[in-house]
Amino acid sequence: METSEIRELSTPDIIERIDTERTMLVRMKLNHAINPMDNPQKMREVKLTIARLLTELRSRELKEKSKI
């Protein structure tokens, strides 16, 4: 998921997406421990997506605080 796509999401959608991505990452880690993945790079991509989502969420929080 790219940054431009993330910016288009609403705040509740971002929070929901973070939960979904975190759940997917946990499942990927468990599956990888049992049976090695063909492409473990996918776990890195999920981590980066989570980081992008959290960054956008934090920037929105800071914008709200600065308006007050």
PDB file of N, CA and C in Angstrom:
ATOM      1  N   MET A   1       0.842  -1.165   0.000  1.00  0.00           N
ATOM      2  CA  MET A   1       0.000   0.000   0.000  1.00  0.00           C
ATOM      3  C   MET A   1       0.895   1.238   0.000  1.00  0.00           C
ATOM      4  N   GLU A   2       0.627   2.114  -0.917  1.00  0.00           N
ATOM      5  CA  GLU A   2       1.458   3.300  -1.056  1.00  0.00           C
ATOM      6  C   GLU A   2       0.936   4.442  -0.200  1.00  0.00           C
ATOM      7  N   THR A   3       1.786   5.423   0.023  1.00  0.00           N
ATOM      8  CA  THR A   3       1.450   6.553   0.866  1.00  0.00           C
ATOM      9  C   THR A   3       0.261   7.328   0.319  1.00  0.00           C
ATOM     10  N   SER A   4       0.191   7.480  -0.975  1.00  0.00           N
ATOM     11  CA  SER A   4      -0.933   8.217  -1.577  1.00  0.00           C
ATOM     12  C   SER A   4      -2.258   7.502  -1.307  1.00  0.00           C
ATOM     13  N   GLU A   5      -2.250   6.183  -1.325  1.00  0.00           N
ATOM     14  CA  GLU A   5      -3.465   5.417  -1.033  1.00  0.00           C
ATOM     15  C   GLU A   5      -3.851   5.572   0.433  1.00  0.00           C
ATOM     16  N   ILE A   6      -2.857   5.607   1.299  1.00  0.00           N
ATOM     17  CA  ILE A   6      -3.112   5.729   2.732  1.00  0.00           C
ATOM     18  C   ILE A   6      -3.724   7.083   3.050  1.00  0.00           C
ATOM     19  N   ARG A   7      -3.244   8.131   2.409  1.00  0.00           N
ATOM     20  CA  ARG A   7      -3.761   9.479   2.658  1.00  0.00           C
ATOM     21  C   ARG A   7      -5.224   9.613   2.273  1.00  0.00           C
ATOM     22  N   GLU A   8      -5.683   8.812   1.330  1.00  0.00           N
ATOM     23  CA  GLU A   8      -7.065   8.874   0.885  1.00  0.00           C
ATOM     24  C   GLU A   8      -8.020   8.201   1.870  1.00  0.00           C
ATOM     25  N   LEU A   9      -7.502   7.356   2.757  1.00  0.00           N
ATOM     26  CA  LEU A   9      -8.344   6.643   3.711  1.00  0.00           C
ATOM     27  C   LEU A   9      -8.791   7.561   4.837  1.00  0.00           C
ATOM     28  N   SER A  10      -9.954   7.253   5.390  1.00  0.00           N
ATOM     29  CA  SER A  10     -10.415   8.004   6.559  1.00  0.00           C
ATOM     30  C   SER A  10      -9.707   7.459   7.797  1.00  0.00           C
ATOM     31  N   THR A  11      -9.754   8.213   8.883  1.00  0.00           N
ATOM     32  CA  THR A  11      -9.066   7.811  10.110  1.00  0.00           C
ATOM     33  C   THR A  11      -9.580   6.474  10.651  1.00  0.00           C
ATOM     34  N   PRO A  12     -10.895   6.244  10.724  1.00  0.00           N
ATOM     35  CA  PRO A  12     -11.349   4.921  11.192  1.00  0.00           C
ATOM     36  C   PRO A  12     -10.880   3.775  10.280  1.00  0.00           C
ATOM     37  N   ASP A  13     -10.818   4.054   8.986  1.00  0.00           N
ATOM     38  CA  ASP A  13     -10.335   3.041   8.053  1.00  0.00           C
ATOM     39  C   ASP A  13      -8.864   2.726   8.302  1.00  0.00           C
ATOM     40  N   ILE A  14      -8.084   3.743   8.625  1.00  0.00           N
ATOM     41  CA  ILE A  14      -6.660   3.526   8.909  1.00  0.00           C
ATOM     42  C   ILE A  14      -6.506   2.667  10.155  1.00  0.00           C
ATOM     43  N   ILE A  15      -7.282   2.968  11.192  1.00  0.00           N
ATOM     44  CA  ILE A  15      -7.202   2.191  12.430  1.00  0.00           C
ATOM     45  C   ILE A  15      -7.587   0.742  12.179  1.00  0.00           C
ATOM     46  N   GLU A  16      -8.633   0.539  11.397  1.00  0.00           N
ATOM     47  CA  GLU A  16      -9.068  -0.820  11.062  1.00  0.00           C
ATOM     48  C   GLU A  16      -8.001  -1.546  10.249  1.00  0.00           C
ATOM     49  N   ARG A  17      -7.393  -0.841   9.329  1.00  0.00           N
ATOM     50  CA  ARG A  17      -6.354  -1.435   8.480  1.00  0.00           C
ATOM     51  C   ARG A  17      -5.123  -1.816   9.298  1.00  0.00           C
ATOM     52  N   ILE A  18      -4.767  -0.994  10.303  1.00  0.00           N
ATOM     53  CA  ILE A  18      -3.632  -1.315  11.175  1.00  0.00           C
ATOM     54  C   ILE A  18      -3.901  -2.626  11.900  1.00  0.00           C
ATOM     55  N   ASP A  19      -5.109  -2.773  12.441  1.00  0.00           N
ATOM     56  CA  ASP A  19      -5.458  -4.015  13.136  1.00  0.00           C
ATOM     57  C   ASP A  19      -5.377  -5.221  12.205  1.00  0.00           C
ATOM     58  N   THR A  20      -5.874  -5.051  11.000  1.00  0.00           N
ATOM     59  CA  THR A  20      -5.852  -6.137  10.022  1.00  0.00           C
ATOM     60  C   THR A  20      -4.417  -6.525   9.658  1.00  0.00           C
ATOM     61  N   GLU A  21      -3.594  -5.530   9.414  1.00  0.00           N
ATOM     62  CA  GLU A  21      -2.202  -5.789   9.027  1.00  0.00           C
ATOM     63  C   GLU A  21      -1.428  -6.451  10.168  1.00  0.00           C
ATOM     64  N   ARG A  22      -1.670  -6.010  11.398  1.00  0.00           N
ATOM     65  CA  ARG A  22      -0.983  -6.617  12.544  1.00  0.00           C
ATOM     66  C   ARG A  22      -1.384  -8.077  12.704  1.00  0.00           C
ATOM     67  N   THR A  23      -2.670  -8.373  12.530  1.00  0.00           N
ATOM     68  CA  THR A  23      -3.142  -9.756  12.615  1.00  0.00           C
ATOM     69  C   THR A  23      -2.492 -10.604  11.524  1.00  0.00           C
ATOM     70  N   MET A  24      -2.416 -10.053  10.325  1.00  0.00           N
ATOM     71  CA  MET A  24      -1.806 -10.770   9.219  1.00  0.00           C
ATOM     72  C   MET A  24      -0.323 -11.023   9.487  1.00  0.00           C
ATOM     73  N   LEU A  25       0.378 -10.059  10.077  1.00  0.00           N
ATOM     74  CA  LEU A  25       1.795 -10.221  10.381  1.00  0.00           C
ATOM     75  C   LEU A  25       2.007 -11.332  11.403  1.00  0.00           C
ATOM     76  N   VAL A  26       1.169 -11.386  12.429  1.00  0.00           N
ATOM     77  CA  VAL A  26       1.291 -12.442  13.435  1.00  0.00           C
ATOM     78  C   VAL A  26       1.083 -13.810  12.795  1.00  0.00           C
ATOM     79  N   ARG A  27       0.077 -13.916  11.943  1.00  0.00           N
ATOM     80  CA  ARG A  27      -0.171 -15.188  11.258  1.00  0.00           C
ATOM     81  C   ARG A  27       1.005 -15.583  10.364  1.00  0.00           C
ATOM     82  N   MET A  28       1.565 -14.596   9.674  1.00  0.00           N
ATOM     83  CA  MET A  28       2.702 -14.882   8.799  1.00  0.00           C
ATOM     84  C   MET A  28       3.897 -15.370   9.614  1.00  0.00           C
ATOM     85  N   LYS A  29       4.142 -14.746  10.772  1.00  0.00           N
ATOM     86  CA  LYS A  29       5.254 -15.162  11.619  1.00  0.00           C
ATOM     87  C   LYS A  29       5.060 -16.584  12.118  1.00  0.00           C
ATOM     88  N   LEU A  30       3.843 -16.907  12.551  1.00  0.00           N
ATOM     89  CA  LEU A  30       3.569 -18.262  13.027  1.00  0.00           C
ATOM     90  C   LEU A  30       3.720 -19.287  11.911  1.00  0.00           C
ATOM     91  N   ASN A  31       3.173 -18.985  10.760  1.00  0.00           N
ATOM     92  CA  ASN A  31       3.283 -19.901   9.629  1.00  0.00           C
ATOM     93  C   ASN A  31       4.737 -20.065   9.192  1.00  0.00           C
ATOM     94  N   HIS A  32       5.502 -18.996   9.258  1.00  0.00           N
ATOM     95  CA  HIS A  32       6.908 -19.048   8.860  1.00  0.00           C
ATOM     96  C   HIS A  32       7.722 -19.887   9.842  1.00  0.00           C
ATOM     97  N   ALA A  33       7.356 -19.874  11.116  1.00  0.00           N
ATOM     98  CA  ALA A  33       8.057 -20.680  12.108  1.00  0.00           C
ATOM     99  C   ALA A  33       7.803 -22.166  11.885  1.00  0.00           C
ATOM    100  N   ILE A  34       6.610 -22.497  11.436  1.00  0.00           N
ATOM    101  CA  ILE A  34       6.259 -23.899  11.205  1.00  0.00           C
ATOM    102  C   ILE A  34       6.768 -24.375   9.854  1.00  0.00           C
ATOM    103  N   ASN A  35       6.495 -23.597   8.847  1.00  0.00           N
ATOM    104  CA  ASN A  35       6.855 -23.970   7.484  1.00  0.00           C
ATOM    105  C   ASN A  35       7.441 -22.732   6.803  1.00  0.00           C
ATOM    106  N   PRO A  36       8.743 -22.705   6.523  1.00  0.00           N
ATOM    107  CA  PRO A  36       9.368 -21.500   5.948  1.00  0.00           C
ATOM    108  C   PRO A  36       8.651 -21.019   4.685  1.00  0.00           C
ATOM    109  N   MET A  37       8.503 -19.694   4.610  1.00  0.00           N
ATOM    110  CA  MET A  37       7.828 -19.080   3.470  1.00  0.00           C
ATOM    111  C   MET A  37       8.729 -19.098   2.246  1.00  0.00           C
ATOM    112  N   ASP A  38       8.107 -19.083   1.082  1.00  0.00           N
ATOM    113  CA  ASP A  38       8.870 -18.991  -0.156  1.00  0.00           C
ATOM    114  C   ASP A  38       9.523 -17.620  -0.280  1.00  0.00           C
ATOM    115  N   ASN A  39       8.782 -16.587   0.144  1.00  0.00           N
ATOM    116  CA  ASN A  39       9.279 -15.231   0.035  1.00  0.00           C
ATOM    117  C   ASN A  39       9.093 -14.506   1.372  1.00  0.00           C
ATOM    118  N   PRO A  40      10.075 -14.586   2.280  1.00  0.00           N
ATOM    119  CA  PRO A  40       9.933 -13.924   3.579  1.00  0.00           C
ATOM    120  C   PRO A  40       9.958 -12.396   3.483  1.00  0.00           C
ATOM    121  N   GLN A  41      10.241 -11.866   2.308  1.00  0.00           N
ATOM    122  CA  GLN A  41      10.222 -10.417   2.080  1.00  0.00           C
ATOM    123  C   GLN A  41       8.816  -9.851   2.293  1.00  0.00           C
ATOM    124  N   LYS A  42       7.797 -10.696   2.173  1.00  0.00           N
ATOM    125  CA  LYS A  42       6.419 -10.247   2.363  1.00  0.00           C
ATOM    126  C   LYS A  42       6.200  -9.753   3.783  1.00  0.00           C
ATOM    127  N   MET A  43       6.869 -10.371   4.757  1.00  0.00           N
ATOM    128  CA  MET A  43       6.735  -9.921   6.144  1.00  0.00           C
ATOM    129  C   MET A  43       7.284  -8.503   6.293  1.00  0.00           C
ATOM    130  N   ARG A  44       8.369  -8.218   5.614  1.00  0.00           N
ATOM    131  CA  ARG A  44       8.954  -6.876   5.662  1.00  0.00           C
ATOM    132  C   ARG A  44       8.004  -5.854   5.050  1.00  0.00           C
ATOM    133  N   GLU A  45       7.360  -6.219   3.968  1.00  0.00           N
ATOM    134  CA  GLU A  45       6.406  -5.323   3.320  1.00  0.00           C
ATOM    135  C   GLU A  45       5.228  -5.011   4.238  1.00  0.00           C
ATOM    136  N   VAL A  46       4.759  -6.018   4.979  1.00  0.00           N
ATOM    137  CA  VAL A  46       3.648  -5.807   5.908  1.00  0.00           C
ATOM    138  C   VAL A  46       4.081  -4.871   7.036  1.00  0.00           C
ATOM    139  N   LYS A  47       5.303  -5.060   7.540  1.00  0.00           N
ATOM    140  CA  LYS A  47       5.821  -4.174   8.590  1.00  0.00           C
ATOM    141  C   LYS A  47       5.912  -2.732   8.097  1.00  0.00           C
ATOM    142  N   LEU A  48       6.361  -2.560   6.878  1.00  0.00           N
ATOM    143  CA  LEU A  48       6.461  -1.215   6.311  1.00  0.00           C
ATOM    144  C   LEU A  48       5.082  -0.579   6.124  1.00  0.00           C
ATOM    145  N   THR A  49       4.120  -1.378   5.726  1.00  0.00           N
ATOM    146  CA  THR A  49       2.753  -0.876   5.568  1.00  0.00           C
ATOM    147  C   THR A  49       2.200  -0.420   6.911  1.00  0.00           C
ATOM    148  N   ILE A  50       2.445  -1.215   7.958  1.00  0.00           N
ATOM    149  CA  ILE A  50       1.995  -0.837   9.298  1.00  0.00           C
ATOM    150  C   ILE A  50       2.641   0.475   9.713  1.00  0.00           C
ATOM    151  N   ALA A  51       3.927   0.606   9.454  1.00  0.00           N
ATOM    152  CA  ALA A  51       4.640   1.831   9.814  1.00  0.00           C
ATOM    153  C   ALA A  51       4.075   3.033   9.056  1.00  0.00           C
ATOM    154  N   ARG A  52       3.766   2.867   7.787  1.00  0.00           N
ATOM    155  CA  ARG A  52       3.188   3.961   7.003  1.00  0.00           C
ATOM    156  C   ARG A  52       1.828   4.379   7.553  1.00  0.00           C
ATOM    157  N   LEU A  53       1.021   3.379   7.916  1.00  0.00           N
ATOM    158  CA  LEU A  53      -0.298   3.664   8.468  1.00  0.00           C
ATOM    159  C   LEU A  53      -0.190   4.405   9.798  1.00  0.00           C
ATOM    160  N   LEU A  54       0.712   3.943  10.660  1.00  0.00           N
ATOM    161  CA  LEU A  54       0.896   4.600  11.951  1.00  0.00           C
ATOM    162  C   LEU A  54       1.418   6.026  11.796  1.00  0.00           C
ATOM    163  N   THR A  55       2.285   6.227  10.828  1.00  0.00           N
ATOM    164  CA  THR A  55       2.827   7.564  10.572  1.00  0.00           C
ATOM    165  C   THR A  55       1.726   8.520  10.129  1.00  0.00           C
ATOM    166  N   GLU A  56       0.887   8.077   9.233  1.00  0.00           N
ATOM    167  CA  GLU A  56      -0.219   8.915   8.761  1.00  0.00           C
ATOM    168  C   GLU A  56      -1.196   9.208   9.898  1.00  0.00           C
ATOM    169  N   LEU A  57      -1.482   8.211  10.712  1.00  0.00           N
ATOM    170  CA  LEU A  57      -2.383   8.403  11.843  1.00  0.00           C
ATOM    171  C   LEU A  57      -1.811   9.425  12.821  1.00  0.00           C
ATOM    172  N   ARG A  58      -0.537   9.335  13.105  1.00  0.00           N
ATOM    173  CA  ARG A  58       0.114  10.274  14.017  1.00  0.00           C
ATOM    174  C   ARG A  58       0.131  11.692  13.441  1.00  0.00           C
ATOM    175  N   SER A  59       0.383  11.815  12.156  1.00  0.00           N
ATOM    176  CA  SER A  59       0.399  13.152  11.554  1.00  0.00           C
ATOM    177  C   SER A  59      -0.984  13.789  11.615  1.00  0.00           C
ATOM    178  N   ARG A  60      -2.027  12.993  11.466  1.00  0.00           N
ATOM    179  CA  ARG A  60      -3.391  13.533  11.581  1.00  0.00           C
ATOM    180  C   ARG A  60      -3.674  13.972  13.019  1.00  0.00           C
ATOM    181  N   GLU A  61      -3.194  13.197  13.993  1.00  0.00           N
ATOM    182  CA  GLU A  61      -3.376  13.582  15.395  1.00  0.00           C
ATOM    183  C   GLU A  61      -2.681  14.914  15.678  1.00  0.00           C
ATOM    184  N   LEU A  62      -1.479  15.071  15.164  1.00  0.00           N
ATOM    185  CA  LEU A  62      -0.733  16.305  15.389  1.00  0.00           C
ATOM    186  C   LEU A  62      -1.408  17.504  14.716  1.00  0.00           C
ATOM    187  N   LYS A  63      -1.973  17.284  13.535  1.00  0.00           N
ATOM    188  CA  LYS A  63      -2.692  18.369  12.857  1.00  0.00           C
ATOM    189  C   LYS A  63      -3.904  18.803  13.662  1.00  0.00           C
ATOM    190  N   GLU A  64      -4.606  17.834  14.239  1.00  0.00           N
ATOM    191  CA  GLU A  64      -5.777  18.154  15.061  1.00  0.00           C
ATOM    192  C   GLU A  64      -5.374  18.948  16.295  1.00  0.00           C
ATOM    193  N   LYS A  65      -4.264  18.573  16.915  1.00  0.00           N
ATOM    194  CA  LYS A  65      -3.804  19.287  18.107  1.00  0.00           C
ATOM    195  C   LYS A  65      -3.368  20.716  17.771  1.00  0.00           C
ATOM    196  N   SER A  66      -2.768  20.898  16.612  1.00  0.00           N
ATOM    197  CA  SER A  66      -2.294  22.229  16.239  1.00  0.00           C
ATOM    198  C   SER A  66      -3.462  23.164  15.903  1.00  0.00           C
ATOM    199  N   LYS A  67      -4.588  22.626  15.484  1.00  0.00           N
ATOM    200  CA  LYS A  67      -5.753  23.442  15.165  1.00  0.00           C
ATOM    201  C   LYS A  67      -6.419  23.976  16.434  1.00  0.00           C
ATOM    202  N   ILE A  68      -6.275  23.260  17.517  1.00  0.00           N
ATOM    203  CA  ILE A  68      -6.953  23.642  18.773  1.00  0.00           C
ATOM    204  C   ILE A  68      -6.255  24.776  19.447  1.00  0.00           C
TER     205      ILE A  68
END
